[in-house]
Amino acid sequence: MRNQTYVTRRAGATSFVRNRNTVRFAGKSLGSISQIVIVSMLTLVFGLIYVAEGTKATSFDYEISGIESEITEMTAKKEDLAVEKARLTSVATAKNSTVAAAMETASVSGYVAE
């Protein structure tokens, strides 16, 4: 009889098994230049989005400052009209009062001569 020895296979060895490839193919991956291009394109896109949002905020600031200047102008006009109303009301009240009716009319009696 022949002396047979069995050799155990290594854990990572490929075997000739039915419906299996004996060659392992490395998966395709991106190269370093492709990765640099993709990262730079993403940076460019995010930069453009940032700039677009910044200009929107600036245009809103211009609109807000315009509206605020209109508000200050209208507030000043309102205050001027309140003063004018008080002046006209006081003149009308003074003409119609009994105290003013009892007063004598003022006239210039003369000027001081030197």
PDB file of N, CA and C in Angstrom:
ATOM      1  N   MET A   1       0.793  -1.168   0.000  1.00  0.00           N
ATOM      2  CA  MET A   1       0.000   0.000   0.000  1.00  0.00           C
ATOM      3  C   MET A   1       0.841   1.238   0.000  1.00  0.00           C
ATOM      4  N   ARG A   2       0.229   2.275  -0.517  1.00  0.00           N
ATOM      5  CA  ARG A   2       0.948   3.549  -0.591  1.00  0.00           C
ATOM      6  C   ARG A   2       0.680   4.401   0.622  1.00  0.00           C
ATOM      7  N   ASN A   3       1.631   5.090   0.947  1.00  0.00           N
ATOM      8  CA  ASN A   3       1.510   5.983   2.080  1.00  0.00           C
ATOM      9  C   ASN A   3       1.025   7.343   1.561  1.00  0.00           C
ATOM     10  N   GLN A   4      -0.192   7.753   1.936  1.00  0.00           N
ATOM     11  CA  GLN A   4      -0.743   9.022   1.461  1.00  0.00           C
ATOM     12  C   GLN A   4      -0.733  10.039   2.598  1.00  0.00           C
ATOM     13  N   THR A   5      -0.349  11.242   2.254  1.00  0.00           N
ATOM     14  CA  THR A   5      -0.401  12.318   3.247  1.00  0.00           C
ATOM     15  C   THR A   5      -1.324  13.410   2.716  1.00  0.00           C
ATOM     16  N   TYR A   6      -2.067  13.934   3.585  1.00  0.00           N
ATOM     17  CA  TYR A   6      -2.974  15.002   3.208  1.00  0.00           C
ATOM     18  C   TYR A   6      -2.373  16.334   3.638  1.00  0.00           C
ATOM     19  N   VAL A   7      -2.418  17.267   2.702  1.00  0.00           N
ATOM     20  CA  VAL A   7      -1.888  18.591   2.991  1.00  0.00           C
ATOM     21  C   VAL A   7      -3.073  19.521   3.213  1.00  0.00           C
ATOM     22  N   THR A   8      -3.098  20.205   4.288  1.00  0.00           N
ATOM     23  CA  THR A   8      -4.179  21.165   4.550  1.00  0.00           C
ATOM     24  C   THR A   8      -3.924  22.437   3.736  1.00  0.00           C
ATOM     25  N   ARG A   9      -4.959  22.966   3.278  1.00  0.00           N
ATOM     26  CA  ARG A   9      -4.831  24.187   2.470  1.00  0.00           C
ATOM     27  C   ARG A   9      -4.725  25.403   3.367  1.00  0.00           C
ATOM     28  N   ARG A  10      -4.029  26.388   2.837  1.00  0.00           N
ATOM     29  CA  ARG A  10      -3.926  27.644   3.583  1.00  0.00           C
ATOM     30  C   ARG A  10      -5.248  28.379   3.519  1.00  0.00           C
ATOM     31  N   ALA A  11      -5.483  29.238   4.467  1.00  0.00           N
ATOM     32  CA  ALA A  11      -6.774  29.925   4.579  1.00  0.00           C
ATOM     33  C   ALA A  11      -7.022  30.851   3.394  1.00  0.00           C
ATOM     34  N   GLY A  12      -6.041  31.500   2.844  1.00  0.00           N
ATOM     35  CA  GLY A  12      -6.259  32.474   1.785  1.00  0.00           C
ATOM     36  C   GLY A  12      -6.043  31.913   0.398  1.00  0.00           C
ATOM     37  N   ALA A  13      -5.764  30.669   0.262  1.00  0.00           N
ATOM     38  CA  ALA A  13      -5.433  30.121  -1.050  1.00  0.00           C
ATOM     39  C   ALA A  13      -6.688  29.957  -1.881  1.00  0.00           C
ATOM     40  N   THR A  14      -6.547  30.175  -3.173  1.00  0.00           N
ATOM     41  CA  THR A  14      -7.670  29.959  -4.081  1.00  0.00           C
ATOM     42  C   THR A  14      -7.687  28.507  -4.493  1.00  0.00           C
ATOM     43  N   SER A  15      -8.851  28.005  -4.663  1.00  0.00           N
ATOM     44  CA  SER A  15      -8.955  26.602  -5.046  1.00  0.00           C
ATOM     45  C   SER A  15      -9.701  26.479  -6.356  1.00  0.00           C
ATOM     46  N   PHE A  16      -9.508  25.407  -6.980  1.00  0.00           N
ATOM     47  CA  PHE A  16     -10.208  25.144  -8.227  1.00  0.00           C
ATOM     48  C   PHE A  16     -11.540  24.499  -7.882  1.00  0.00           C
ATOM     49  N   VAL A  17     -12.532  25.353  -7.755  1.00  0.00           N
ATOM     50  CA  VAL A  17     -13.863  24.877  -7.429  1.00  0.00           C
ATOM     51  C   VAL A  17     -14.752  25.206  -8.601  1.00  0.00           C
ATOM     52  N   ARG A  18     -15.756  24.435  -8.792  1.00  0.00           N
ATOM     53  CA  ARG A  18     -16.649  24.618  -9.921  1.00  0.00           C
ATOM     54  C   ARG A  18     -17.356  25.972  -9.820  1.00  0.00           C
ATOM     55  N   ASN A  19     -17.503  26.674 -10.939  1.00  0.00           N
ATOM     56  CA  ASN A  19     -18.177  27.966 -11.062  1.00  0.00           C
ATOM     57  C   ASN A  19     -17.505  29.080 -10.246  1.00  0.00           C
ATOM     58  N   ARG A  20     -16.221  28.980 -10.028  1.00  0.00           N
ATOM     59  CA  ARG A  20     -15.487  30.031  -9.345  1.00  0.00           C
ATOM     60  C   ARG A  20     -14.312  30.438 -10.211  1.00  0.00           C
ATOM     61  N   ASN A  21     -14.008  31.745 -10.189  1.00  0.00           N
ATOM     62  CA  ASN A  21     -12.836  32.224 -10.906  1.00  0.00           C
ATOM     63  C   ASN A  21     -11.600  31.986 -10.056  1.00  0.00           C
ATOM     64  N   THR A  22     -10.533  31.686 -10.743  1.00  0.00           N
ATOM     65  CA  THR A  22      -9.291  31.474 -10.006  1.00  0.00           C
ATOM     66  C   THR A  22      -8.475  32.743  -9.890  1.00  0.00           C
ATOM     67  N   VAL A  23      -8.900  33.815 -10.583  1.00  0.00           N
ATOM     68  CA  VAL A  23      -8.168  35.075 -10.568  1.00  0.00           C
ATOM     69  C   VAL A  23      -9.011  36.105  -9.835  1.00  0.00           C
ATOM     70  N   ARG A  24      -8.385  36.800  -8.938  1.00  0.00           N
ATOM     71  CA  ARG A  24      -9.098  37.865  -8.237  1.00  0.00           C
ATOM     72  C   ARG A  24      -8.816  39.186  -8.936  1.00  0.00           C
ATOM     73  N   PHE A  25      -9.908  39.904  -9.205  1.00  0.00           N
ATOM     74  CA  PHE A  25      -9.783  41.185  -9.872  1.00  0.00           C
ATOM     75  C   PHE A  25      -9.915  42.288  -8.832  1.00  0.00           C
ATOM     76  N   ALA A  26      -9.077  43.286  -8.957  1.00  0.00           N
ATOM     77  CA  ALA A  26      -9.151  44.439  -8.063  1.00  0.00           C
ATOM     78  C   ALA A  26     -10.272  45.348  -8.543  1.00  0.00           C
ATOM     79  N   GLY A  27     -11.050  45.860  -7.613  1.00  0.00           N
ATOM     80  CA  GLY A  27     -12.133  46.772  -7.968  1.00  0.00           C
ATOM     81  C   GLY A  27     -11.590  48.084  -8.494  1.00  0.00           C
ATOM     82  N   LYS A  28     -12.374  48.688  -9.346  1.00  0.00           N
ATOM     83  CA  LYS A  28     -11.934  49.973  -9.912  1.00  0.00           C
ATOM     84  C   LYS A  28     -12.131  51.071  -8.881  1.00  0.00           C
ATOM     85  N   SER A  29     -11.176  51.934  -8.773  1.00  0.00           N
ATOM     86  CA  SER A  29     -11.279  53.064  -7.860  1.00  0.00           C
ATOM     87  C   SER A  29     -10.801  54.317  -8.579  1.00  0.00           C
ATOM     88  N   LEU A  30     -11.141  55.444  -7.994  1.00  0.00           N
ATOM     89  CA  LEU A  30     -10.750  56.720  -8.593  1.00  0.00           C
ATOM     90  C   LEU A  30      -9.274  56.979  -8.333  1.00  0.00           C
ATOM     91  N   GLY A  31      -8.650  57.611  -9.280  1.00  0.00           N
ATOM     92  CA  GLY A  31      -7.255  57.987  -9.119  1.00  0.00           C
ATOM     93  C   GLY A  31      -7.124  59.266  -8.322  1.00  0.00           C
ATOM     94  N   SER A  32      -5.927  59.639  -8.020  1.00  0.00           N
ATOM     95  CA  SER A  32      -5.705  60.830  -7.196  1.00  0.00           C
ATOM     96  C   SER A  32      -6.120  62.104  -7.929  1.00  0.00           C
ATOM     97  N   ILE A  33      -5.885  62.164  -9.231  1.00  0.00           N
ATOM     98  CA  ILE A  33      -6.259  63.359 -10.002  1.00  0.00           C
ATOM     99  C   ILE A  33      -7.770  63.486 -10.058  1.00  0.00           C
ATOM    100  N   SER A  34      -8.470  62.367 -10.241  1.00  0.00           N
ATOM    101  CA  SER A  34      -9.935  62.405 -10.264  1.00  0.00           C
ATOM    102  C   SER A  34     -10.487  62.867  -8.925  1.00  0.00           C
ATOM    103  N   GLN A  35      -9.899  62.412  -7.852  1.00  0.00           N
ATOM    104  CA  GLN A  35     -10.354  62.842  -6.531  1.00  0.00           C
ATOM    105  C   GLN A  35     -10.130  64.330  -6.318  1.00  0.00           C
ATOM    106  N   ILE A  36      -9.001  64.830  -6.774  1.00  0.00           N
ATOM    107  CA  ILE A  36      -8.716  66.268  -6.645  1.00  0.00           C
ATOM    108  C   ILE A  36      -9.720  67.079  -7.457  1.00  0.00           C
ATOM    109  N   VAL A  37     -10.033  66.608  -8.662  1.00  0.00           N
ATOM    110  CA  VAL A  37     -10.999  67.322  -9.509  1.00  0.00           C
ATOM    111  C   VAL A  37     -12.372  67.325  -8.856  1.00  0.00           C
ATOM    112  N   ILE A  38     -12.797  66.207  -8.302  1.00  0.00           N
ATOM    113  CA  ILE A  38     -14.117  66.132  -7.677  1.00  0.00           C
ATOM    114  C   ILE A  38     -14.186  67.040  -6.453  1.00  0.00           C
ATOM    115  N   VAL A  39     -13.156  67.032  -5.632  1.00  0.00           N
ATOM    116  CA  VAL A  39     -13.146  67.889  -4.442  1.00  0.00           C
ATOM    117  C   VAL A  39     -13.144  69.362  -4.838  1.00  0.00           C
ATOM    118  N   SER A  40     -12.384  69.715  -5.869  1.00  0.00           N
ATOM    119  CA  SER A  40     -12.357  71.119  -6.297  1.00  0.00           C
ATOM    120  C   SER A  40     -13.699  71.538  -6.883  1.00  0.00           C
ATOM    121  N   MET A  41     -14.369  70.643  -7.606  1.00  0.00           N
ATOM    122  CA  MET A  41     -15.695  70.982  -8.156  1.00  0.00           C
ATOM    123  C   MET A  41     -16.716  71.158  -7.033  1.00  0.00           C
ATOM    124  N   LEU A  42     -16.671  70.308  -6.031  1.00  0.00           N
ATOM    125  CA  LEU A  42     -17.582  70.461  -4.902  1.00  0.00           C
ATOM    126  C   LEU A  42     -17.321  71.764  -4.160  1.00  0.00           C
ATOM    127  N   THR A  43     -16.055  72.108  -3.983  1.00  0.00           N
ATOM    128  CA  THR A  43     -15.707  73.366  -3.332  1.00  0.00           C
ATOM    129  C   THR A  43     -16.218  74.553  -4.141  1.00  0.00           C
ATOM    130  N   LEU A  44     -16.082  74.477  -5.447  1.00  0.00           N
ATOM    131  CA  LEU A  44     -16.567  75.556  -6.316  1.00  0.00           C
ATOM    132  C   LEU A  44     -18.081  75.694  -6.219  1.00  0.00           C
ATOM    133  N   VAL A  45     -18.799  74.594  -6.227  1.00  0.00           N
ATOM    134  CA  VAL A  45     -20.254  74.645  -6.150  1.00  0.00           C
ATOM    135  C   VAL A  45     -20.703  75.228  -4.814  1.00  0.00           C
ATOM    136  N   PHE A  46     -20.086  74.764  -3.711  1.00  0.00           N
ATOM    137  CA  PHE A  46     -20.457  75.311  -2.410  1.00  0.00           C
ATOM    138  C   PHE A  46     -20.081  76.788  -2.298  1.00  0.00           C
ATOM    139  N   GLY A  47     -18.986  77.188  -2.900  1.00  0.00           N
ATOM    140  CA  GLY A  47     -18.608  78.601  -2.906  1.00  0.00           C
ATOM    141  C   GLY A  47     -19.605  79.456  -3.656  1.00  0.00           C
ATOM    142  N   LEU A  48     -20.074  78.967  -4.791  1.00  0.00           N
ATOM    143  CA  LEU A  48     -21.070  79.720  -5.555  1.00  0.00           C
ATOM    144  C   LEU A  48     -22.389  79.829  -4.798  1.00  0.00           C
ATOM    145  N   ILE A  49     -22.767  78.759  -4.130  1.00  0.00           N
ATOM    146  CA  ILE A  49     -23.997  78.809  -3.330  1.00  0.00           C
ATOM    147  C   ILE A  49     -23.836  79.829  -2.202  1.00  0.00           C
ATOM    148  N   TYR A  50     -22.682  79.850  -1.564  1.00  0.00           N
ATOM    149  CA  TYR A  50     -22.427  80.803  -0.476  1.00  0.00           C
ATOM    150  C   TYR A  50     -22.501  82.244  -0.974  1.00  0.00           C
ATOM    151  N   VAL A  51     -21.897  82.501  -2.119  1.00  0.00           N
ATOM    152  CA  VAL A  51     -21.909  83.858  -2.671  1.00  0.00           C
ATOM    153  C   VAL A  51     -23.329  84.264  -3.068  1.00  0.00           C
ATOM    154  N   ALA A  52     -24.081  83.332  -3.645  1.00  0.00           N
ATOM    155  CA  ALA A  52     -25.460  83.649  -4.042  1.00  0.00           C
ATOM    156  C   ALA A  52     -26.308  83.994  -2.828  1.00  0.00           C
ATOM    157  N   GLU A  53     -26.160  83.253  -1.754  1.00  0.00           N
ATOM    158  CA  GLU A  53     -26.922  83.553  -0.546  1.00  0.00           C
ATOM    159  C   GLU A  53     -26.473  84.876   0.072  1.00  0.00           C
ATOM    160  N   GLY A  54     -25.194  85.174  -0.018  1.00  0.00           N
ATOM    161  CA  GLY A  54     -24.697  86.440   0.515  1.00  0.00           C
ATOM    162  C   GLY A  54     -25.259  87.642  -0.230  1.00  0.00           C
ATOM    163  N   THR A  55     -25.362  87.533  -1.540  1.00  0.00           N
ATOM    164  CA  THR A  55     -25.918  88.648  -2.310  1.00  0.00           C
ATOM    165  C   THR A  55     -27.407  88.807  -2.048  1.00  0.00           C
ATOM    166  N   LYS A  56     -28.111  87.699  -1.790  1.00  0.00           N
ATOM    167  CA  LYS A  56     -29.532  87.824  -1.443  1.00  0.00           C
ATOM    168  C   LYS A  56     -29.677  88.595  -0.138  1.00  0.00           C
ATOM    169  N   ALA A  57     -28.847  88.264   0.837  1.00  0.00           N
ATOM    170  CA  ALA A  57     -28.913  88.956   2.125  1.00  0.00           C
ATOM    171  C   ALA A  57     -28.588  90.439   1.956  1.00  0.00           C
ATOM    172  N   THR A  58     -27.627  90.759   1.105  1.00  0.00           N
ATOM    173  CA  THR A  58     -27.264  92.154   0.868  1.00  0.00           C
ATOM    174  C   THR A  58     -28.413  92.910   0.209  1.00  0.00           C
ATOM    175  N   SER A  59     -29.089  92.284  -0.751  1.00  0.00           N
ATOM    176  CA  SER A  59     -30.209  92.964  -1.404  1.00  0.00           C
ATOM    177  C   SER A  59     -31.343  93.186  -0.410  1.00  0.00           C
ATOM    178  N   PHE A  60     -31.561  92.238   0.513  1.00  0.00           N
ATOM    179  CA  PHE A  60     -32.573  92.448   1.543  1.00  0.00           C
ATOM    180  C   PHE A  60     -32.172  93.591   2.465  1.00  0.00           C
ATOM    181  N   ASP A  61     -30.878  93.732   2.747  1.00  0.00           N
ATOM    182  CA  ASP A  61     -30.414  94.836   3.580  1.00  0.00           C
ATOM    183  C   ASP A  61     -30.696  96.178   2.914  1.00  0.00           C
ATOM    184  N   TYR A  62     -30.486  96.264   1.588  1.00  0.00           N
ATOM    185  CA  TYR A  62     -30.778  97.505   0.881  1.00  0.00           C
ATOM    186  C   TYR A  62     -32.263  97.827   0.941  1.00  0.00           C
ATOM    187  N   GLU A  63     -33.119  96.829   0.768  1.00  0.00           N
ATOM    188  CA  GLU A  63     -34.555  97.063   0.841  1.00  0.00           C
ATOM    189  C   GLU A  63     -34.955  97.514   2.239  1.00  0.00           C
ATOM    190  N   ILE A  64     -34.400  96.881   3.248  1.00  0.00           N
ATOM    191  CA  ILE A  64     -34.739  97.239   4.624  1.00  0.00           C
ATOM    192  C   ILE A  64     -34.282  98.652   4.947  1.00  0.00           C
ATOM    193  N   SER A  65     -33.080  99.020   4.502  1.00  0.00           N
ATOM    194  CA  SER A  65     -32.599 100.378   4.787  1.00  0.00           C
ATOM    195  C   SER A  65     -33.454 101.420   4.067  1.00  0.00           C
ATOM    196  N   GLY A  66     -33.928 101.105   2.858  1.00  0.00           N
ATOM    197  CA  GLY A  66     -34.819 102.025   2.151  1.00  0.00           C
ATOM    198  C   GLY A  66     -36.134 102.213   2.889  1.00  0.00           C
ATOM    199  N   ILE A  67     -36.690 101.114   3.381  1.00  0.00           N
ATOM    200  CA  ILE A  67     -37.951 101.200   4.124  1.00  0.00           C
ATOM    201  C   ILE A  67     -37.743 101.945   5.445  1.00  0.00           C
ATOM    202  N   GLU A  68     -36.621 101.705   6.106  1.00  0.00           N
ATOM    203  CA  GLU A  68     -36.339 102.413   7.358  1.00  0.00           C
ATOM    204  C   GLU A  68     -36.178 103.911   7.129  1.00  0.00           C
ATOM    205  N   SER A  69     -35.574 104.321   6.008  1.00  0.00           N
ATOM    206  CA  SER A  69     -35.446 105.759   5.723  1.00  0.00           C
ATOM    207  C   SER A  69     -36.820 106.374   5.451  1.00  0.00           C
ATOM    208  N   GLU A  70     -37.708 105.628   4.781  1.00  0.00           N
ATOM    209  CA  GLU A  70     -39.070 106.133   4.576  1.00  0.00           C
ATOM    210  C   GLU A  70     -39.795 106.292   5.907  1.00  0.00           C
ATOM    211  N   ILE A  71     -39.582 105.348   6.816  1.00  0.00           N
ATOM    212  CA  ILE A  71     -40.237 105.414   8.132  1.00  0.00           C
ATOM    213  C   ILE A  71     -39.755 106.641   8.903  1.00  0.00           C
ATOM    214  N   THR A  72     -38.444 106.929   8.866  1.00  0.00           N
ATOM    215  CA  THR A  72     -37.932 108.103   9.590  1.00  0.00           C
ATOM    216  C   THR A  72     -38.451 109.403   8.976  1.00  0.00           C
ATOM    217  N   GLU A  73     -38.558 109.441   7.633  1.00  0.00           N
ATOM    218  CA  GLU A  73     -39.110 110.648   6.992  1.00  0.00           C
ATOM    219  C   GLU A  73     -40.556 110.859   7.395  1.00  0.00           C
ATOM    220  N   MET A  74     -41.333 109.781   7.391  1.00  0.00           N
ATOM    221  CA  MET A  74     -42.756 109.906   7.746  1.00  0.00           C
ATOM    222  C   MET A  74     -42.939 110.243   9.222  1.00  0.00           C
ATOM    223  N   THR A  75     -42.048 109.744  10.069  1.00  0.00           N
ATOM    224  CA  THR A  75     -42.110 110.090  11.490  1.00  0.00           C
ATOM    225  C   THR A  75     -41.808 111.578  11.687  1.00  0.00           C
ATOM    226  N   ALA A  76     -40.839 112.109  10.962  1.00  0.00           N
ATOM    227  CA  ALA A  76     -40.525 113.537  11.052  1.00  0.00           C
ATOM    228  C   ALA A  76     -41.700 114.383  10.562  1.00  0.00           C
ATOM    229  N   LYS A  77     -42.340 113.949   9.452  1.00  0.00           N
ATOM    230  CA  LYS A  77     -43.522 114.683   8.955  1.00  0.00           C
ATOM    231  C   LYS A  77     -44.644 114.646   9.972  1.00  0.00           C
ATOM    232  N   LYS A  78     -44.821 113.506  10.631  1.00  0.00           N
ATOM    233  CA  LYS A  78     -45.880 113.380  11.634  1.00  0.00           C
ATOM    234  C   LYS A  78     -45.629 114.335  12.794  1.00  0.00           C
ATOM    235  N   GLU A  79     -44.377 114.424  13.235  1.00  0.00           N
ATOM    236  CA  GLU A  79     -44.050 115.334  14.334  1.00  0.00           C
ATOM    237  C   GLU A  79     -44.274 116.785  13.920  1.00  0.00           C
ATOM    238  N   ASP A  80     -43.895 117.133  12.687  1.00  0.00           N
ATOM    239  CA  ASP A  80     -44.120 118.496  12.201  1.00  0.00           C
ATOM    240  C   ASP A  80     -45.610 118.817  12.138  1.00  0.00           C
ATOM    241  N   LEU A  81     -46.400 117.842  11.672  1.00  0.00           N
ATOM    242  CA  LEU A  81     -47.848 118.065  11.605  1.00  0.00           C
ATOM    243  C   LEU A  81     -48.466 118.169  12.993  1.00  0.00           C
ATOM    244  N   ALA A  82     -47.933 117.435  13.961  1.00  0.00           N
ATOM    245  CA  ALA A  82     -48.448 117.537  15.336  1.00  0.00           C
ATOM    246  C   ALA A  82     -48.171 118.932  15.902  1.00  0.00           C
ATOM    247  N   VAL A  83     -46.974 119.460  15.618  1.00  0.00           N
ATOM    248  CA  VAL A  83     -46.640 120.817  16.083  1.00  0.00           C
ATOM    249  C   VAL A  83     -47.543 121.847  15.406  1.00  0.00           C
ATOM    250  N   GLU A  84     -47.761 121.693  14.108  1.00  0.00           N
ATOM    251  CA  GLU A  84     -48.625 122.627  13.363  1.00  0.00           C
ATOM    252  C   GLU A  84     -50.064 122.568  13.888  1.00  0.00           C
ATOM    253  N   LYS A  85     -50.538 121.383  14.199  1.00  0.00           N
ATOM    254  CA  LYS A  85     -51.895 121.238  14.732  1.00  0.00           C
ATOM    255  C   LYS A  85     -52.007 121.912  16.092  1.00  0.00           C
ATOM    256  N   ALA A  86     -51.007 121.731  16.925  1.00  0.00           N
ATOM    257  CA  ALA A  86     -51.034 122.364  18.249  1.00  0.00           C
ATOM    258  C   ALA A  86     -51.006 123.872  18.123  1.00  0.00           C
ATOM    259  N   ARG A  87     -50.220 124.410  17.184  1.00  0.00           N
ATOM    260  CA  ARG A  87     -50.152 125.861  16.996  1.00  0.00           C
ATOM    261  C   ARG A  87     -51.492 126.408  16.520  1.00  0.00           C
ATOM    262  N   LEU A  88     -52.077 125.756  15.540  1.00  0.00           N
ATOM    263  CA  LEU A  88     -53.368 126.235  15.019  1.00  0.00           C
ATOM    264  C   LEU A  88     -54.479 126.100  16.057  1.00  0.00           C
ATOM    265  N   THR A  89     -54.438 125.031  16.817  1.00  0.00           N
ATOM    266  CA  THR A  89     -55.456 124.847  17.853  1.00  0.00           C
ATOM    267  C   THR A  89     -55.312 125.903  18.944  1.00  0.00           C
ATOM    268  N   SER A  90     -54.086 126.233  19.312  1.00  0.00           N
ATOM    269  CA  SER A  90     -53.880 127.229  20.371  1.00  0.00           C
ATOM    270  C   SER A  90     -54.307 128.619  19.904  1.00  0.00           C
ATOM    271  N   VAL A  91     -54.073 128.943  18.642  1.00  0.00           N
ATOM    272  CA  VAL A  91     -54.500 130.249  18.123  1.00  0.00           C
ATOM    273  C   VAL A  91     -56.016 130.333  18.107  1.00  0.00           C
ATOM    274  N   ALA A  92     -56.680 129.273  17.652  1.00  0.00           N
ATOM    275  CA  ALA A  92     -58.146 129.283  17.610  1.00  0.00           C
ATOM    276  C   ALA A  92     -58.731 129.324  19.012  1.00  0.00           C
ATOM    277  N   THR A  93     -58.115 128.603  19.945  1.00  0.00           N
ATOM    278  CA  THR A  93     -58.601 128.600  21.325  1.00  0.00           C
ATOM    279  C   THR A  93     -58.399 129.968  21.966  1.00  0.00           C
ATOM    280  N   ALA A  94     -57.300 130.605  21.674  1.00  0.00           N
ATOM    281  CA  ALA A  94     -57.034 131.927  22.251  1.00  0.00           C
ATOM    282  C   ALA A  94     -58.003 132.963  21.703  1.00  0.00           C
ATOM    283  N   LYS A  95     -58.395 132.887  20.445  1.00  0.00           N
ATOM    284  CA  LYS A  95     -59.339 133.855  19.878  1.00  0.00           C
ATOM    285  C   LYS A  95     -60.726 133.702  20.489  1.00  0.00           C
ATOM    286  N   ASN A  96     -61.118 132.482  20.755  1.00  0.00           N
ATOM    287  CA  ASN A  96     -62.471 132.226  21.248  1.00  0.00           C
ATOM    288  C   ASN A  96     -62.588 132.256  22.769  1.00  0.00           C
ATOM    289  N   SER A  97     -61.509 132.489  23.483  1.00  0.00           N
ATOM    290  CA  SER A  97     -61.586 132.469  24.948  1.00  0.00           C
ATOM    291  C   SER A  97     -62.159 133.789  25.470  1.00  0.00           C
ATOM    292  N   THR A  98     -62.765 133.749  26.645  1.00  0.00           N
ATOM    293  CA  THR A  98     -63.339 134.960  27.270  1.00  0.00           C
ATOM    294  C   THR A  98     -62.248 135.883  27.789  1.00  0.00           C
ATOM    295  N   VAL A  99     -61.114 135.303  28.170  1.00  0.00           N
ATOM    296  CA  VAL A  99     -60.014 136.122  28.662  1.00  0.00           C
ATOM    297  C   VAL A  99     -59.457 136.983  27.527  1.00  0.00           C
ATOM    298  N   ALA A 100     -59.323 136.387  26.342  1.00  0.00           N
ATOM    299  CA  ALA A 100     -58.805 137.144  25.204  1.00  0.00           C
ATOM    300  C   ALA A 100     -59.802 138.206  24.751  1.00  0.00           C
ATOM    301  N   ALA A 101     -61.096 137.953  24.892  1.00  0.00           N
ATOM    302  CA  ALA A 101     -62.107 138.940  24.505  1.00  0.00           C
ATOM    303  C   ALA A 101     -62.095 140.137  25.444  1.00  0.00           C
ATOM    304  N   ALA A 102     -61.732 139.922  26.688  1.00  0.00           N
ATOM    305  CA  ALA A 102     -61.720 141.006  27.661  1.00  0.00           C
ATOM    306  C   ALA A 102     -60.465 141.864  27.553  1.00  0.00           C
ATOM    307  N   MET A 103     -59.471 141.437  26.813  1.00  0.00           N
ATOM    308  CA  MET A 103     -58.222 142.188  26.704  1.00  0.00           C
ATOM    309  C   MET A 103     -58.372 143.330  25.703  1.00  0.00           C
ATOM    310  N   GLU A 104     -57.541 144.303  25.908  1.00  0.00           N
ATOM    311  CA  GLU A 104     -57.522 145.414  24.966  1.00  0.00           C
ATOM    312  C   GLU A 104     -56.641 145.043  23.787  1.00  0.00           C
ATOM    313  N   THR A 105     -56.897 145.673  22.668  1.00  0.00           N
ATOM    314  CA  THR A 105     -56.061 145.411  21.497  1.00  0.00           C
ATOM    315  C   THR A 105     -54.734 146.123  21.675  1.00  0.00           C
ATOM    316  N   ALA A 106     -53.736 145.513  21.240  1.00  0.00           N
ATOM    317  CA  ALA A 106     -52.399 146.066  21.399  1.00  0.00           C
ATOM    318  C   ALA A 106     -52.121 147.041  20.265  1.00  0.00           C
ATOM    319  N   SER A 107     -51.435 148.115  20.594  1.00  0.00           N
ATOM    320  CA  SER A 107     -51.033 149.064  19.580  1.00  0.00           C
ATOM    321  C   SER A 107     -49.658 149.616  19.976  1.00  0.00           C
ATOM    322  N   VAL A 108     -48.978 150.091  18.981  1.00  0.00           N
ATOM    323  CA  VAL A 108     -47.639 150.612  19.237  1.00  0.00           C
ATOM    324  C   VAL A 108     -47.791 152.075  19.684  1.00  0.00           C
ATOM    325  N   SER A 109     -47.307 152.343  20.877  1.00  0.00           N
ATOM    326  CA  SER A 109     -47.456 153.701  21.394  1.00  0.00           C
ATOM    327  C   SER A 109     -46.287 154.583  20.966  1.00  0.00           C
ATOM    328  N   GLY A 110     -45.228 154.017  20.607  1.00  0.00           N
ATOM    329  CA  GLY A 110     -44.090 154.807  20.171  1.00  0.00           C
ATOM    330  C   GLY A 110     -42.802 154.057  20.396  1.00  0.00           C
ATOM    331  N   TYR A 111     -41.787 154.621  19.840  1.00  0.00           N
ATOM    332  CA  TYR A 111     -40.459 154.003  19.970  1.00  0.00           C
ATOM    333  C   TYR A 111     -39.588 154.882  20.850  1.00  0.00           C
ATOM    334  N   VAL A 112     -38.607 154.296  21.422  1.00  0.00           N
ATOM    335  CA  VAL A 112     -37.687 155.037  22.282  1.00  0.00           C
ATOM    336  C   VAL A 112     -36.760 155.825  21.386  1.00  0.00           C
ATOM    337  N   ALA A 113     -36.618 157.101  21.676  1.00  0.00           N
ATOM    338  CA  ALA A 113     -35.726 157.924  20.908  1.00  0.00           C
ATOM    339  C   ALA A 113     -34.418 158.075  21.660  1.00  0.00           C
ATOM    340  N   GLU A 114     -33.389 158.160  20.980  1.00  0.00           N
ATOM    341  CA  GLU A 114     -32.089 158.323  21.628  1.00  0.00           C
ATOM    342  C   GLU A 114     -31.691 159.753  21.731  1.00  0.00           C
TER     343      GLU A 114
END
